């Protein structure tokens, strides 16, 4: 099983559209939406995922993280976080 971890709902929509375009079946249940870029860097957000990996229920993770535009950075600090 593969779990795709992305930032938000629009990222999931984009990934699903891309998968559909290249002929890969929709696997909507295999997504974890983190809510914001800051959550990607918070280890406690991965507690359930870690349990699934430890119990061999989850074999692969794909992290999809986009870079924000510098002018849109004031809300979440994502541009700065992506450059670290």
Foldseek 3Di string as FASTA:
>chain_A
DEAEEEADDVVLVVVQVVCVVVPHDDPPVRYDHQPHPVSVVDVVNCPVVVVCVVVVVHDYYHYDYDADDPVPCPPPNRNVVVVD
